PDB file of N, CA and C in Angstrom:
ATOM      1  N   MET A   1      20.265 -11.827 -10.599  1.00  0.00           N
ATOM      2  CA  MET A   1      18.927 -11.951 -10.069  1.00  0.00           C
ATOM      3  C   MET A   1      18.864 -11.247  -8.714  1.00  0.00           C
ATOM      4  N   ALA A   2      17.853 -10.471  -8.530  1.00  0.00           N
ATOM      5  CA  ALA A   2      17.676  -9.725  -7.291  1.00  0.00           C
ATOM      6  C   ALA A   2      16.814 -10.520  -6.311  1.00  0.00           C
ATOM      7  N   THR A   3      16.915 -10.166  -5.066  1.00  0.00           N
ATOM      8  CA  THR A   3      16.035 -10.737  -4.049  1.00  0.00           C
ATOM      9  C   THR A   3      15.324  -9.595  -3.346  1.00  0.00           C
ATOM     10  N   LYS A   4      14.189  -9.938  -2.771  1.00  0.00           N
ATOM     11  CA  LYS A   4      13.387  -8.941  -2.064  1.00  0.00           C
ATOM     12  C   LYS A   4      12.666  -9.655  -0.934  1.00  0.00           C
ATOM     13  N   GLU A   5      12.524  -8.966   0.180  1.00  0.00           N
ATOM     14  CA  GLU A   5      11.745  -9.537   1.273  1.00  0.00           C
ATOM     15  C   GLU A   5      10.301  -9.077   1.126  1.00  0.00           C
ATOM     16  N   ILE A   6       9.424 -10.051   1.028  1.00  0.00           N
ATOM     17  CA  ILE A   6       7.992  -9.779   0.898  1.00  0.00           C
ATOM     18  C   ILE A   6       7.272 -10.635   1.940  1.00  0.00           C
ATOM     19  N   ALA A   7       6.489 -10.026   2.765  1.00  0.00           N
ATOM     20  CA  ALA A   7       5.738 -10.724   3.815  1.00  0.00           C
ATOM     21  C   ALA A   7       6.669 -11.553   4.696  1.00  0.00           C
ATOM     22  N   GLY A   8       7.875 -11.026   4.935  1.00  0.00           N
ATOM     23  CA  GLY A   8       8.826 -11.700   5.803  1.00  0.00           C
ATOM     24  C   GLY A   8       9.578 -12.856   5.159  1.00  0.00           C
ATOM     25  N   ILE A   9       9.400 -13.033   3.840  1.00  0.00           N
ATOM     26  CA  ILE A   9      10.056 -14.123   3.118  1.00  0.00           C
ATOM     27  C   ILE A   9      10.940 -13.519   2.038  1.00  0.00           C
ATOM     28  N   THR A  10      12.178 -13.978   1.943  1.00  0.00           N
ATOM     29  CA  THR A  10      13.077 -13.504   0.895  1.00  0.00           C
ATOM     30  C   THR A  10      12.815 -14.320  -0.366  1.00  0.00           C
ATOM     31  N   VAL A  11      12.488 -13.619  -1.452  1.00  0.00           N
ATOM     32  CA  VAL A  11      12.164 -14.269  -2.718  1.00  0.00           C
ATOM     33  C   VAL A  11      13.029 -13.690  -3.836  1.00  0.00           C
ATOM     34  N   ASN A  12      13.170 -14.459  -4.908  1.00  0.00           N
ATOM     35  CA  ASN A  12      13.898 -14.006  -6.095  1.00  0.00           C
ATOM     36  C   ASN A  12      12.933 -13.233  -6.980  1.00  0.00           C
ATOM     37  N   VAL A  13      13.345 -12.051  -7.426  1.00  0.00           N
ATOM     38  CA  VAL A  13      12.481 -11.208  -8.243  1.00  0.00           C
ATOM     39  C   VAL A  13      13.258 -10.617  -9.420  1.00  0.00           C
ATOM     40  N   THR A  14      12.507 -10.179 -10.434  1.00  0.00           N
ATOM     41  CA  THR A  14      13.087  -9.440 -11.546  1.00  0.00           C
ATOM     42  C   THR A  14      13.246  -7.989 -11.116  1.00  0.00           C
ATOM     43  N   GLU A  15      13.843  -7.188 -11.968  1.00  0.00           N
ATOM     44  CA  GLU A  15      13.993  -5.764 -11.640  1.00  0.00           C
ATOM     45  C   GLU A  15      12.644  -5.068 -11.533  1.00  0.00           C
ATOM     46  N   ASP A  16      11.594  -5.651 -12.137  1.00  0.00           N
ATOM     47  CA  ASP A  16      10.244  -5.088 -12.066  1.00  0.00           C
ATOM     48  C   ASP A  16       9.439  -5.619 -10.884  1.00  0.00           C
ATOM     49  N   GLY A  17      10.041  -6.528 -10.101  1.00  0.00           N
ATOM     50  CA  GLY A  17       9.356  -7.039  -8.924  1.00  0.00           C
ATOM     51  C   GLY A  17       8.525  -8.286  -9.135  1.00  0.00           C
ATOM     52  N   TYR A  18       8.690  -8.957 -10.279  1.00  0.00           N
ATOM     53  CA  TYR A  18       7.966 -10.202 -10.538  1.00  0.00           C
ATOM     54  C   TYR A  18       8.772 -11.371  -9.992  1.00  0.00           C
ATOM     55  N   LEU A  19       8.109 -12.314  -9.323  1.00  0.00           N
ATOM     56  CA  LEU A  19       8.806 -13.482  -8.815  1.00  0.00           C
ATOM     57  C   LEU A  19       9.411 -14.267  -9.972  1.00  0.00           C
ATOM     58  N   THR A  20      10.635 -14.763  -9.791  1.00  0.00           N
ATOM     59  CA  THR A  20      11.270 -15.575 -10.830  1.00  0.00           C
ATOM     60  C   THR A  20      11.090 -17.060 -10.551  1.00  0.00           C
ATOM     61  N   ASP A  21      10.665 -17.408  -9.338  1.00  0.00           N
ATOM     62  CA  ASP A  21      10.427 -18.794  -8.955  1.00  0.00           C
ATOM     63  C   ASP A  21       9.010 -18.897  -8.403  1.00  0.00           C
ATOM     64  N   PRO A  22       8.060 -19.343  -9.229  1.00  0.00           N
ATOM     65  CA  PRO A  22       6.665 -19.410  -8.773  1.00  0.00           C
ATOM     66  C   PRO A  22       6.463 -20.266  -7.527  1.00  0.00           C
ATOM     67  N   SER A  23       7.393 -21.187  -7.248  1.00  0.00           N
ATOM     68  CA  SER A  23       7.240 -22.043  -6.062  1.00  0.00           C
ATOM     69  C   SER A  23       7.434 -21.252  -4.768  1.00  0.00           C
ATOM     70  N   GLN A  24       7.996 -20.052  -4.856  1.00  0.00           N
ATOM     71  CA  GLN A  24       8.183 -19.215  -3.662  1.00  0.00           C
ATOM     72  C   GLN A  24       6.910 -18.452  -3.295  1.00  0.00           C
ATOM     73  N   TRP A  25       5.918 -18.457  -4.158  1.00  0.00           N
ATOM     74  CA  TRP A  25       4.689 -17.700  -3.957  1.00  0.00           C
ATOM     75  C   TRP A  25       3.854 -18.291  -2.829  1.00  0.00           C
ATOM     76  N   THR A  26       3.279 -17.416  -2.022  1.00  0.00           N
ATOM     77  CA  THR A  26       2.297 -17.800  -1.001  1.00  0.00           C
ATOM     78  C   THR A  26       1.159 -16.785  -1.041  1.00  0.00           C
ATOM     79  N   ARG A  27       0.068 -17.117  -0.405  1.00  0.00           N
ATOM     80  CA  ARG A  27      -1.056 -16.177  -0.334  1.00  0.00           C
ATOM     81  C   ARG A  27      -0.652 -14.915   0.440  1.00  0.00           C
ATOM     82  N   GLU A  28       0.221 -15.071   1.425  1.00  0.00           N
ATOM     83  CA  GLU A  28       0.683 -13.919   2.190  1.00  0.00           C
ATOM     84  C   GLU A  28       1.512 -12.989   1.306  1.00  0.00           C
ATOM     85  N   ILE A  29       2.338 -13.572   0.449  1.00  0.00           N
ATOM     86  CA  ILE A  29       3.113 -12.766  -0.500  1.00  0.00           C
ATOM     87  C   ILE A  29       2.161 -12.048  -1.447  1.00  0.00           C
ATOM     88  N   ALA A  30       1.130 -12.743  -1.916  1.00  0.00           N
ATOM     89  CA  ALA A  30       0.146 -12.114  -2.802  1.00  0.00           C
ATOM     90  C   ALA A  30      -0.502 -10.922  -2.122  1.00  0.00           C
ATOM     91  N   GLN A  31      -0.880 -11.081  -0.872  1.00  0.00           N
ATOM     92  CA  GLN A  31      -1.517  -9.982  -0.149  1.00  0.00           C
ATOM     93  C   GLN A  31      -0.568  -8.800   0.016  1.00  0.00           C
ATOM     94  N   ALA A  32       0.709  -9.072   0.268  1.00  0.00           N
ATOM     95  CA  ALA A  32       1.689  -7.997   0.428  1.00  0.00           C
ATOM     96  C   ALA A  32       1.922  -7.269  -0.899  1.00  0.00           C
ATOM     97  N   ILE A  33       2.031  -8.011  -1.995  1.00  0.00           N
ATOM     98  CA  ILE A  33       2.219  -7.379  -3.306  1.00  0.00           C
ATOM     99  C   ILE A  33       0.979  -6.566  -3.671  1.00  0.00           C
ATOM    100  N   ALA A  34      -0.195  -7.119  -3.406  1.00  0.00           N
ATOM    101  CA  ALA A  34      -1.437  -6.398  -3.692  1.00  0.00           C
ATOM    102  C   ALA A  34      -1.483  -5.090  -2.899  1.00  0.00           C
ATOM    103  N   ALA A  35      -1.065  -5.131  -1.649  1.00  0.00           N
ATOM    104  CA  ALA A  35      -1.047  -3.916  -0.827  1.00  0.00           C
ATOM    105  C   ALA A  35      -0.111  -2.878  -1.439  1.00  0.00           C
ATOM    106  N   GLU A  36       1.052  -3.336  -1.968  1.00  0.00           N
ATOM    107  CA  GLU A  36       1.975  -2.406  -2.648  1.00  0.00           C
ATOM    108  C   GLU A  36       1.288  -1.748  -3.845  1.00  0.00           C
ATOM    109  N   GLU A  37       0.395  -2.480  -4.486  1.00  0.00           N
ATOM    110  CA  GLU A  37      -0.329  -1.975  -5.656  1.00  0.00           C
ATOM    111  C   GLU A  37      -1.578  -1.190  -5.265  1.00  0.00           C
ATOM    112  N   GLY A  38      -1.858  -1.111  -3.958  1.00  0.00           N
ATOM    113  CA  GLY A  38      -3.043  -0.395  -3.492  1.00  0.00           C
ATOM    114  C   GLY A  38      -4.325  -1.191  -3.645  1.00  0.00           C
ATOM    115  N   ILE A  39      -4.206  -2.516  -3.636  1.00  0.00           N
ATOM    116  CA  ILE A  39      -5.356  -3.392  -3.832  1.00  0.00           C
ATOM    117  C   ILE A  39      -5.576  -4.233  -2.586  1.00  0.00           C
ATOM    118  N   ALA A  40      -6.809  -4.233  -2.081  1.00  0.00           N
ATOM    119  CA  ALA A  40      -7.201  -5.123  -0.984  1.00  0.00           C
ATOM    120  C   ALA A  40      -7.891  -6.326  -1.632  1.00  0.00           C
ATOM    121  N   LEU A  41      -7.312  -7.490  -1.474  1.00  0.00           N
ATOM    122  CA  LEU A  41      -7.814  -8.665  -2.179  1.00  0.00           C
ATOM    123  C   LEU A  41      -9.151  -9.139  -1.622  1.00  0.00           C
ATOM    124  N   SER A  42     -10.097  -9.323  -2.534  1.00  0.00           N
ATOM    125  CA  SER A  42     -11.426  -9.835  -2.207  1.00  0.00           C
ATOM    126  C   SER A  42     -11.563 -11.228  -2.823  1.00  0.00           C
ATOM    127  N   ASP A  43     -12.701 -11.864  -2.610  1.00  0.00           N
ATOM    128  CA  ASP A  43     -12.946 -13.173  -3.227  1.00  0.00           C
ATOM    129  C   ASP A  43     -12.874 -13.088  -4.747  1.00  0.00           C
ATOM    130  N   ALA A  44     -13.331 -11.981  -5.318  1.00  0.00           N
ATOM    131  CA  ALA A  44     -13.281 -11.807  -6.770  1.00  0.00           C
ATOM    132  C   ALA A  44     -11.834 -11.739  -7.266  1.00  0.00           C
ATOM    133  N   HIS A  45     -10.961 -11.079  -6.505  1.00  0.00           N
ATOM    134  CA  HIS A  45      -9.540 -11.032  -6.866  1.00  0.00           C
ATOM    135  C   HIS A  45      -8.942 -12.438  -6.825  1.00  0.00           C
ATOM    136  N   TRP A  46      -9.272 -13.190  -5.769  1.00  0.00           N
ATOM    137  CA  TRP A  46      -8.727 -14.544  -5.633  1.00  0.00           C
ATOM    138  C   TRP A  46      -9.203 -15.446  -6.766  1.00  0.00           C
ATOM    139  N   LYS A  47     -10.418 -15.223  -7.251  1.00  0.00           N
ATOM    140  CA  LYS A  47     -10.916 -16.015  -8.381  1.00  0.00           C
ATOM    141  C   LYS A  47     -10.004 -15.807  -9.596  1.00  0.00           C
ATOM    142  N   VAL A  48      -9.627 -14.563  -9.856  1.00  0.00           N
ATOM    143  CA  VAL A  48      -8.728 -14.252 -10.972  1.00  0.00           C
ATOM    144  C   VAL A  48      -7.353 -14.864 -10.728  1.00  0.00           C
ATOM    145  N   ILE A  49      -6.811 -14.663  -9.546  1.00  0.00           N
ATOM    146  CA  ILE A  49      -5.475 -15.167  -9.217  1.00  0.00           C
ATOM    147  C   ILE A  49      -5.433 -16.693  -9.331  1.00  0.00           C
ATOM    148  N   ASP A  50      -6.442 -17.350  -8.768  1.00  0.00           N
ATOM    149  CA  ASP A  50      -6.487 -18.819  -8.840  1.00  0.00           C
ATOM    150  C   ASP A  50      -6.582 -19.294 -10.279  1.00  0.00           C
ATOM    151  N   PHE A  51      -7.400 -18.610 -11.092  1.00  0.00           N
ATOM    152  CA  PHE A  51      -7.501 -18.996 -12.502  1.00  0.00           C
ATOM    153  C   PHE A  51      -6.151 -18.822 -13.196  1.00  0.00           C
ATOM    154  N   LEU A  52      -5.505 -17.681 -12.995  1.00  0.00           N
ATOM    155  CA  LEU A  52      -4.218 -17.427 -13.644  1.00  0.00           C
ATOM    156  C   LEU A  52      -3.186 -18.485 -13.267  1.00  0.00           C
ATOM    157  N   LYS A  53      -3.122 -18.837 -11.998  1.00  0.00           N
ATOM    158  CA  LYS A  53      -2.144 -19.825 -11.538  1.00  0.00           C
ATOM    159  C   LYS A  53      -2.436 -21.204 -12.128  1.00  0.00           C
ATOM    160  N   LYS A  54      -3.699 -21.623 -12.112  1.00  0.00           N
ATOM    161  CA  LYS A  54      -4.059 -22.937 -12.659  1.00  0.00           C
ATOM    162  C   LYS A  54      -3.827 -22.976 -14.166  1.00  0.00           C
ATOM    163  N   ASP A  55      -4.203 -21.915 -14.856  1.00  0.00           N
ATOM    164  CA  ASP A  55      -4.030 -21.863 -16.302  1.00  0.00           C
ATOM    165  C   ASP A  55      -2.542 -21.874 -16.669  1.00  0.00           C
ATOM    166  N   PHE A  56      -1.742 -21.128 -15.923  1.00  0.00           N
ATOM    167  CA  PHE A  56      -0.301 -21.095 -16.180  1.00  0.00           C
ATOM    168  C   PHE A  56       0.308 -22.483 -15.952  1.00  0.00           C
ATOM    169  N   ALA A  57      -0.128 -23.153 -14.897  1.00  0.00           N
ATOM    170  CA  ALA A  57       0.401 -24.489 -14.591  1.00  0.00           C
ATOM    171  C   ALA A  57       0.067 -25.483 -15.701  1.00  0.00           C
ATOM    172  N   SER A  58      -1.110 -25.328 -16.318  1.00  0.00           N
ATOM    173  CA  SER A  58      -1.498 -26.287 -17.361  1.00  0.00           C
ATOM    174  C   SER A  58      -0.992 -25.920 -18.751  1.00  0.00           C
ATOM    175  N   THR A  59      -0.804 -24.627 -19.025  1.00  0.00           N
ATOM    176  CA  THR A  59      -0.390 -24.219 -20.375  1.00  0.00           C
ATOM    177  C   THR A  59       1.060 -23.778 -20.458  1.00  0.00           C
ATOM    178  N   GLY A  60       1.622 -23.375 -19.334  1.00  0.00           N
ATOM    179  CA  GLY A  60       2.994 -22.870 -19.332  1.00  0.00           C
ATOM    180  C   GLY A  60       3.110 -21.441 -19.820  1.00  0.00           C
ATOM    181  N   ALA A  61       1.971 -20.791 -20.007  1.00  0.00           N
ATOM    182  CA  ALA A  61       1.957 -19.407 -20.484  1.00  0.00           C
ATOM    183  C   ALA A  61       0.915 -18.615 -19.691  1.00  0.00           C
ATOM    184  N   LEU A  62       1.164 -17.325 -19.581  1.00  0.00           N
ATOM    185  CA  LEU A  62       0.221 -16.447 -18.899  1.00  0.00           C
ATOM    186  C   LEU A  62      -0.998 -16.235 -19.793  1.00  0.00           C
ATOM    187  N   ALA A  63      -2.170 -16.358 -19.222  1.00  0.00           N
ATOM    188  CA  ALA A  63      -3.414 -16.174 -19.966  1.00  0.00           C
ATOM    189  C   ALA A  63      -3.558 -14.728 -20.440  1.00  0.00           C
ATOM    190  N   SER A  64      -4.150 -14.564 -21.598  1.00  0.00           N
ATOM    191  CA  SER A  64      -4.458 -13.227 -22.105  1.00  0.00           C
ATOM    192  C   SER A  64      -5.738 -12.727 -21.435  1.00  0.00           C
ATOM    193  N   ILE A  65      -6.004 -11.452 -21.591  1.00  0.00           N
ATOM    194  CA  ILE A  65      -7.238 -10.897 -21.037  1.00  0.00           C
ATOM    195  C   ILE A  65      -8.445 -11.585 -21.685  1.00  0.00           C
ATOM    196  N   ARG A  66      -8.344 -11.862 -22.971  1.00  0.00           N
ATOM    197  CA  ARG A  66      -9.432 -12.557 -23.665  1.00  0.00           C
ATOM    198  C   ARG A  66      -9.661 -13.951 -23.079  1.00  0.00           C
ATOM    199  N   ARG A  67      -8.565 -14.665 -22.795  1.00  0.00           N
ATOM    200  CA  ARG A  67      -8.693 -16.004 -22.226  1.00  0.00           C
ATOM    201  C   ARG A  67      -9.281 -15.943 -20.811  1.00  0.00           C
ATOM    202  N   ILE A  68      -8.895 -14.936 -20.050  1.00  0.00           N
ATOM    203  CA  ILE A  68      -9.447 -14.770 -18.700  1.00  0.00           C
ATOM    204  C   ILE A  68     -10.959 -14.605 -18.789  1.00  0.00           C
ATOM    205  N   ASN A  69     -11.410 -13.852 -19.779  1.00  0.00           N
ATOM    206  CA  ASN A  69     -12.835 -13.632 -19.983  1.00  0.00           C
ATOM    207  C   ASN A  69     -13.519 -14.912 -20.459  1.00  0.00           C
ATOM    208  N   LYS A  70     -13.014 -15.505 -21.533  1.00  0.00           N
ATOM    209  CA  LYS A  70     -13.676 -16.653 -22.170  1.00  0.00           C
ATOM    210  C   LYS A  70     -13.570 -17.934 -21.360  1.00  0.00           C
ATOM    211  N   THR A  71     -12.370 -18.248 -20.871  1.00  0.00           N
ATOM    212  CA  THR A  71     -12.155 -19.512 -20.179  1.00  0.00           C
ATOM    213  C   THR A  71     -12.327 -19.373 -18.671  1.00  0.00           C
ATOM    214  N   GLY A  72     -11.881 -18.259 -18.135  1.00  0.00           N
ATOM    215  CA  GLY A  72     -11.956 -18.047 -16.693  1.00  0.00           C
ATOM    216  C   GLY A  72     -13.304 -17.562 -16.205  1.00  0.00           C
ATOM    217  N   GLY A  73     -14.140 -17.091 -17.138  1.00  0.00           N
ATOM    218  CA  GLY A  73     -15.463 -16.613 -16.753  1.00  0.00           C
ATOM    219  C   GLY A  73     -15.448 -15.291 -16.010  1.00  0.00           C
ATOM    220  N   ILE A  74     -14.391 -14.509 -16.198  1.00  0.00           N
ATOM    221  CA  ILE A  74     -14.289 -13.214 -15.540  1.00  0.00           C
ATOM    222  C   ILE A  74     -14.477 -12.130 -16.602  1.00  0.00           C
ATOM    223  N   PRO A  75     -15.599 -11.425 -16.571  1.00  0.00           N
ATOM    224  CA  PRO A  75     -15.830 -10.391 -17.580  1.00  0.00           C
ATOM    225  C   PRO A  75     -14.692  -9.369 -17.612  1.00  0.00           C
ATOM    226  N   THR A  76     -14.321  -8.950 -18.812  1.00  0.00           N
ATOM    227  CA  THR A  76     -13.211  -8.015 -18.998  1.00  0.00           C
ATOM    228  C   THR A  76     -13.408  -6.747 -18.179  1.00  0.00           C
ATOM    229  N   LYS A  77     -14.627  -6.224 -18.161  1.00  0.00           N
ATOM    230  CA  LYS A  77     -14.909  -5.006 -17.394  1.00  0.00           C
ATOM    231  C   LYS A  77     -14.608  -5.227 -15.904  1.00  0.00           C
ATOM    232  N   ASP A  78     -14.993  -6.380 -15.383  1.00  0.00           N
ATOM    233  CA  ASP A  78     -14.727  -6.696 -13.972  1.00  0.00           C
ATOM    234  C   ASP A  78     -13.224  -6.815 -13.720  1.00  0.00           C
ATOM    235  N   PHE A  79     -12.515  -7.426 -14.667  1.00  0.00           N
ATOM    236  CA  PHE A  79     -11.069  -7.599 -14.538  1.00  0.00           C
ATOM    237  C   PHE A  79     -10.381  -6.238 -14.430  1.00  0.00           C
ATOM    238  N   TYR A  80     -10.782  -5.300 -15.284  1.00  0.00           N
ATOM    239  CA  TYR A  80     -10.208  -3.955 -15.248  1.00  0.00           C
ATOM    240  C   TYR A  80     -10.584  -3.216 -13.958  1.00  0.00           C
ATOM    241  N   THR A  81     -11.760  -3.484 -13.429  1.00  0.00           N
ATOM    242  CA  THR A  81     -12.183  -2.857 -12.179  1.00  0.00           C
ATOM    243  C   THR A  81     -11.381  -3.414 -10.998  1.00  0.00           C
ATOM    244  N   LEU A  82     -11.152  -4.720 -11.000  1.00  0.00           N
ATOM    245  CA  LEU A  82     -10.414  -5.358  -9.912  1.00  0.00           C
ATOM    246  C   LEU A  82      -8.940  -4.963  -9.886  1.00  0.00           C
ATOM    247  N   PHE A  83      -8.347  -4.835 -11.088  1.00  0.00           N
ATOM    248  CA  PHE A  83      -6.916  -4.536 -11.217  1.00  0.00           C
ATOM    249  C   PHE A  83      -6.740  -3.323 -12.131  1.00  0.00           C
ATOM    250  N   PRO A  84      -7.058  -2.126 -11.634  1.00  0.00           N
ATOM    251  CA  PRO A  84      -6.996  -0.929 -12.489  1.00  0.00           C
ATOM    252  C   PRO A  84      -5.568  -0.566 -12.909  1.00  0.00           C
ATOM    253  N   ASP A  85      -5.478   0.144 -14.026  1.00  0.00           N
ATOM    254  CA  ASP A  85      -4.192   0.660 -14.514  1.00  0.00           C
ATOM    255  C   ASP A  85      -3.173  -0.446 -14.781  1.00  0.00           C
ATOM    256  N   GLY A  86      -3.487  -1.293 -15.733  1.00  0.00           N
ATOM    257  CA  GLY A  86      -2.574  -2.390 -16.076  1.00  0.00           C
ATOM    258  C   GLY A  86      -3.006  -3.689 -15.439  1.00  0.00           C
ATOM    259  N   PRO A  87      -4.223  -4.135 -15.709  1.00  0.00           N
ATOM    260  CA  PRO A  87      -4.769  -5.291 -14.989  1.00  0.00           C
ATOM    261  C   PRO A  87      -3.971  -6.583 -15.140  1.00  0.00           C
ATOM    262  N   LEU A  88      -3.504  -6.900 -16.336  1.00  0.00           N
ATOM    263  CA  LEU A  88      -2.786  -8.162 -16.510  1.00  0.00           C
ATOM    264  C   LEU A  88      -1.425  -8.112 -15.818  1.00  0.00           C
ATOM    265  N   LYS A  89      -0.749  -6.973 -15.893  1.00  0.00           N
ATOM    266  CA  LYS A  89       0.543  -6.819 -15.219  1.00  0.00           C
ATOM    267  C   LYS A  89       0.377  -6.971 -13.711  1.00  0.00           C
ATOM    268  N   LYS A  90      -0.615  -6.287 -13.148  1.00  0.00           N
ATOM    269  CA  LYS A  90      -0.824  -6.339 -11.703  1.00  0.00           C
ATOM    270  C   LYS A  90      -1.257  -7.728 -11.253  1.00  0.00           C
ATOM    271  N   ALA A  91      -2.206  -8.321 -11.971  1.00  0.00           N
ATOM    272  CA  ALA A  91      -2.703  -9.641 -11.588  1.00  0.00           C
ATOM    273  C   ALA A  91      -1.595 -10.681 -11.665  1.00  0.00           C
ATOM    274  N   ALA A  92      -0.764 -10.620 -12.707  1.00  0.00           N
ATOM    275  CA  ALA A  92       0.337 -11.578 -12.854  1.00  0.00           C
ATOM    276  C   ALA A  92       1.345 -11.402 -11.716  1.00  0.00           C
ATOM    277  N   ARG A  93       1.667 -10.177 -11.401  1.00  0.00           N
ATOM    278  CA  ARG A  93       2.643  -9.911 -10.329  1.00  0.00           C
ATOM    279  C   ARG A  93       2.122 -10.438  -8.995  1.00  0.00           C
ATOM    280  N   ILE A  94       0.859 -10.158  -8.704  1.00  0.00           N
ATOM    281  CA  ILE A  94       0.258 -10.612  -7.447  1.00  0.00           C
ATOM    282  C   ILE A  94       0.188 -12.137  -7.407  1.00  0.00           C
ATOM    283  N   ALA A  95      -0.058 -12.761  -8.552  1.00  0.00           N
ATOM    284  CA  ALA A  95      -0.161 -14.223  -8.631  1.00  0.00           C
ATOM    285  C   ALA A  95       1.198 -14.915  -8.648  1.00  0.00           C
ATOM    286  N   GLY A  96       2.283 -14.135  -8.665  1.00  0.00           N
ATOM    287  CA  GLY A  96       3.617 -14.714  -8.663  1.00  0.00           C
ATOM    288  C   GLY A  96       4.037 -15.283 -10.004  1.00  0.00           C
ATOM    289  N   LEU A  97       3.437 -14.759 -11.073  1.00  0.00           N
ATOM    290  CA  LEU A  97       3.704 -15.244 -12.426  1.00  0.00           C
ATOM    291  C   LEU A  97       4.562 -14.243 -13.195  1.00  0.00           C
ATOM    292  N   PRO A  98       5.109 -14.667 -14.340  1.00  0.00           N
ATOM    293  CA  PRO A  98       5.977 -13.755 -15.120  1.00  0.00           C
ATOM    294  C   PRO A  98       5.227 -12.545 -15.656  1.00  0.00           C
ATOM    295  N   ARG A  99       5.983 -11.493 -15.908  1.00  0.00           N
ATOM    296  CA  ARG A  99       5.421 -10.289 -16.515  1.00  0.00           C
ATOM    297  C   ARG A  99       4.868 -10.655 -17.894  1.00  0.00           C
ATOM    298  N   PRO A 100       3.678 -10.161 -18.213  1.00  0.00           N
ATOM    299  CA  PRO A 100       3.109 -10.443 -19.533  1.00  0.00           C
ATOM    300  C   PRO A 100       4.001  -9.889 -20.651  1.00  0.00           C
ATOM    301  N   ALA A 101       4.247 -10.702 -21.651  1.00  0.00           N
ATOM    302  CA  ALA A 101       5.101 -10.291 -22.770  1.00  0.00           C
ATOM    303  C   ALA A 101       4.484  -9.124 -23.541  1.00  0.00           C
ATOM    304  N   SER A 102       3.155  -9.048 -23.531  1.00  0.00           N
ATOM    305  CA  SER A 102       2.457  -8.012 -24.289  1.00  0.00           C
ATOM    306  C   SER A 102       2.499  -6.641 -23.598  1.00  0.00           C
ATOM    307  N   CYS A 103       2.926  -6.606 -22.346  1.00  0.00           N
ATOM    308  CA  CYS A 103       2.938  -5.353 -21.589  1.00  0.00           C
ATOM    309  C   CYS A 103       4.310  -4.699 -21.681  1.00  0.00           C
ATOM    310  N   VAL A 104       4.314  -3.428 -21.991  1.00  0.00           N
ATOM    311  CA  VAL A 104       5.572  -2.686 -22.138  1.00  0.00           C
ATOM    312  C   VAL A 104       6.066  -2.223 -20.795  1.00  0.00           C
TER     313      VAL A 104
END
């Protein structure tokens, strides 16, 4: 297991940069990861991140894009606009959640 310093905190990460211990996640870490992805987090981004974290905590699995739309109330088009070029991968990484199994 690798470690990486993000926002001044040393965290455990996968080789792809996903946190392996969700309890190490903070909003500051999210902002730093988002900056690495070229994303400035807005209230709309936080709505997605908060939904993903709450849904993961209750289901034990990362929500699909369809579930984000249907249950989270975030239109798919908006999701792709907020997290371009691999929205579920980027959103999961920023939220401190595992890499989506469906993403190559």
